């Protein structure tokens, strides 16, 4: 598959994964290195005074869309 699909326009990258923690960190570092980035100096932010929370009613929790709790299904978790 690599011979036919690893092209200069769309290269494949292989992550050595004998050590899973190092593999994850290397993969994240590689992905971040691929994104163009330049440091932006932010102007200091001035916030207005905090509003009163009188009259605020939190929406019902069943109106939100949650990520499934996959970790609780794992053994030993």
C-alpha atoms as a PDB file:
ATOM      1  CA  UNK A   1       0.000   0.000   0.000  1.00  0.00           C
ATOM      2  CA  UNK A   2       2.784   2.462   0.894  1.00  0.00           C
ATOM      3  CA  UNK A   3       4.505   1.917  -2.453  1.00  0.00           C
ATOM      4  CA  UNK A   4       1.418   3.072  -4.349  1.00  0.00           C
ATOM      5  CA  UNK A   5       0.016   5.727  -2.007  1.00  0.00           C
ATOM      6  CA  UNK A   6       3.033   7.395  -0.349  1.00  0.00           C
ATOM      7  CA  UNK A   7       3.508  10.329  -2.707  1.00  0.00           C
ATOM      8  CA  UNK A   8       5.189  13.726  -2.273  1.00  0.00           C
ATOM      9  CA  UNK A   9       1.752  15.363  -2.486  1.00  0.00           C
ATOM     10  CA  UNK A  10       0.291  13.193   0.276  1.00  0.00           C
ATOM     11  CA  UNK A  11       3.015  11.456   2.279  1.00  0.00           C
ATOM     12  CA  UNK A  12       2.412   8.743   4.858  1.00  0.00           C
ATOM     13  CA  UNK A  13       4.152   9.035   8.218  1.00  0.00           C
ATOM     14  CA  UNK A  14       4.919   6.002  10.380  1.00  0.00           C
ATOM     15  CA  UNK A  15       4.988   6.310  14.164  1.00  0.00           C
ATOM     16  CA  UNK A  16       7.300   3.898  15.948  1.00  0.00           C
ATOM     17  CA  UNK A  17       5.002   2.575  18.661  1.00  0.00           C
ATOM     18  CA  UNK A  18       7.019   0.153  20.778  1.00  0.00           C
ATOM     19  CA  UNK A  19       6.605   2.647  23.633  1.00  0.00           C
ATOM     20  CA  UNK A  20       2.993   3.891  23.432  1.00  0.00           C
ATOM     21  CA  UNK A  21       3.500   7.042  25.517  1.00  0.00           C
ATOM     22  CA  UNK A  22       6.462   8.150  23.398  1.00  0.00           C
ATOM     23  CA  UNK A  23       4.523   7.290  20.245  1.00  0.00           C
ATOM     24  CA  UNK A  24       1.583   9.484  21.261  1.00  0.00           C
ATOM     25  CA  UNK A  25       3.836  12.395  22.210  1.00  0.00           C
ATOM     26  CA  UNK A  26       5.852  12.063  18.998  1.00  0.00           C
ATOM     27  CA  UNK A  27       2.655  11.955  16.946  1.00  0.00           C
ATOM     28  CA  UNK A  28       1.209  15.063  18.630  1.00  0.00           C
ATOM     29  CA  UNK A  29       4.528  16.916  18.271  1.00  0.00           C
ATOM     30  CA  UNK A  30       4.696  15.966  14.591  1.00  0.00           C
ATOM     31  CA  UNK A  31       1.113  17.104  13.934  1.00  0.00           C
ATOM     32  CA  UNK A  32       1.763  20.421  15.671  1.00  0.00           C
ATOM     33  CA  UNK A  33       4.967  20.920  13.661  1.00  0.00           C
ATOM     34  CA  UNK A  34       2.936  20.603  10.452  1.00  0.00           C
ATOM     35  CA  UNK A  35       0.679  23.559  11.352  1.00  0.00           C
ATOM     36  CA  UNK A  36       2.082  26.983  10.424  1.00  0.00           C
ATOM     37  CA  UNK A  37       2.406  29.021  13.588  1.00  0.00           C
ATOM     38  CA  UNK A  38       3.672  32.424  14.516  1.00  0.00           C
ATOM     39  CA  UNK A  39       3.598  34.002  17.938  1.00  0.00           C
ATOM     40  CA  UNK A  40       0.975  36.715  18.286  1.00  0.00           C
ATOM     41  CA  UNK A  41       1.332  39.269  21.046  1.00  0.00           C
ATOM     42  CA  UNK A  42      -2.093  39.889  22.528  1.00  0.00           C
ATOM     43  CA  UNK A  43      -3.182  43.257  23.871  1.00  0.00           C
ATOM     44  CA  UNK A  44      -4.085  43.182  27.573  1.00  0.00           C
ATOM     45  CA  UNK A  45      -7.734  42.305  28.009  1.00  0.00           C
ATOM     46  CA  UNK A  46     -10.032  44.475  30.113  1.00  0.00           C
ATOM     47  CA  UNK A  47     -13.149  42.725  31.345  1.00  0.00           C
ATOM     48  CA  UNK A  48     -16.302  44.504  32.471  1.00  0.00           C
ATOM     49  CA  UNK A  49     -17.556  43.924  36.019  1.00  0.00           C
ATOM     50  CA  UNK A  50     -19.152  40.529  36.536  1.00  0.00           C
ATOM     51  CA  UNK A  51     -22.911  40.425  36.088  1.00  0.00           C
ATOM     52  CA  UNK A  52     -25.245  39.319  38.819  1.00  0.00           C
ATOM     53  CA  UNK A  53     -26.457  35.722  38.524  1.00  0.00           C
ATOM     54  CA  UNK A  54     -29.905  36.529  39.862  1.00  0.00           C
ATOM     55  CA  UNK A  55     -32.597  35.096  37.633  1.00  0.00           C
ATOM     56  CA  UNK A  56     -30.251  32.682  35.848  1.00  0.00           C
ATOM     57  CA  UNK A  57     -31.716  29.223  35.341  1.00  0.00           C
ATOM     58  CA  UNK A  58     -29.350  26.510  34.097  1.00  0.00           C
ATOM     59  CA  UNK A  59     -30.747  24.544  31.134  1.00  0.00           C
ATOM     60  CA  UNK A  60     -31.722  20.933  31.739  1.00  0.00           C
ATOM     61  CA  UNK A  61     -28.735  18.563  31.423  1.00  0.00           C
ATOM     62  CA  UNK A  62     -30.626  16.321  28.997  1.00  0.00           C
ATOM     63  CA  UNK A  63     -30.513  19.108  26.386  1.00  0.00           C
ATOM     64  CA  UNK A  64     -26.738  18.654  25.960  1.00  0.00           C
ATOM     65  CA  UNK A  65     -25.011  16.161  23.689  1.00  0.00           C
ATOM     66  CA  UNK A  66     -22.385  14.198  25.598  1.00  0.00           C
ATOM     67  CA  UNK A  67     -19.349  12.241  24.464  1.00  0.00           C
ATOM     68  CA  UNK A  68     -19.898   8.553  25.325  1.00  0.00           C
ATOM     69  CA  UNK A  69     -18.022   7.447  28.477  1.00  0.00           C
ATOM     70  CA  UNK A  70     -15.887   4.790  26.796  1.00  0.00           C
ATOM     71  CA  UNK A  71     -13.384   4.655  29.666  1.00  0.00           C
ATOM     72  CA  UNK A  72     -15.964   3.315  32.138  1.00  0.00           C
ATOM     73  CA  UNK A  73     -16.448   0.266  29.898  1.00  0.00           C
ATOM     74  CA  UNK A  74     -12.773  -0.690  30.100  1.00  0.00           C
ATOM     75  CA  UNK A  75     -11.720  -3.353  32.575  1.00  0.00           C
ATOM     76  CA  UNK A  76      -9.792  -2.053  35.546  1.00  0.00           C
ATOM     77  CA  UNK A  77     -11.134   1.490  35.198  1.00  0.00           C
END
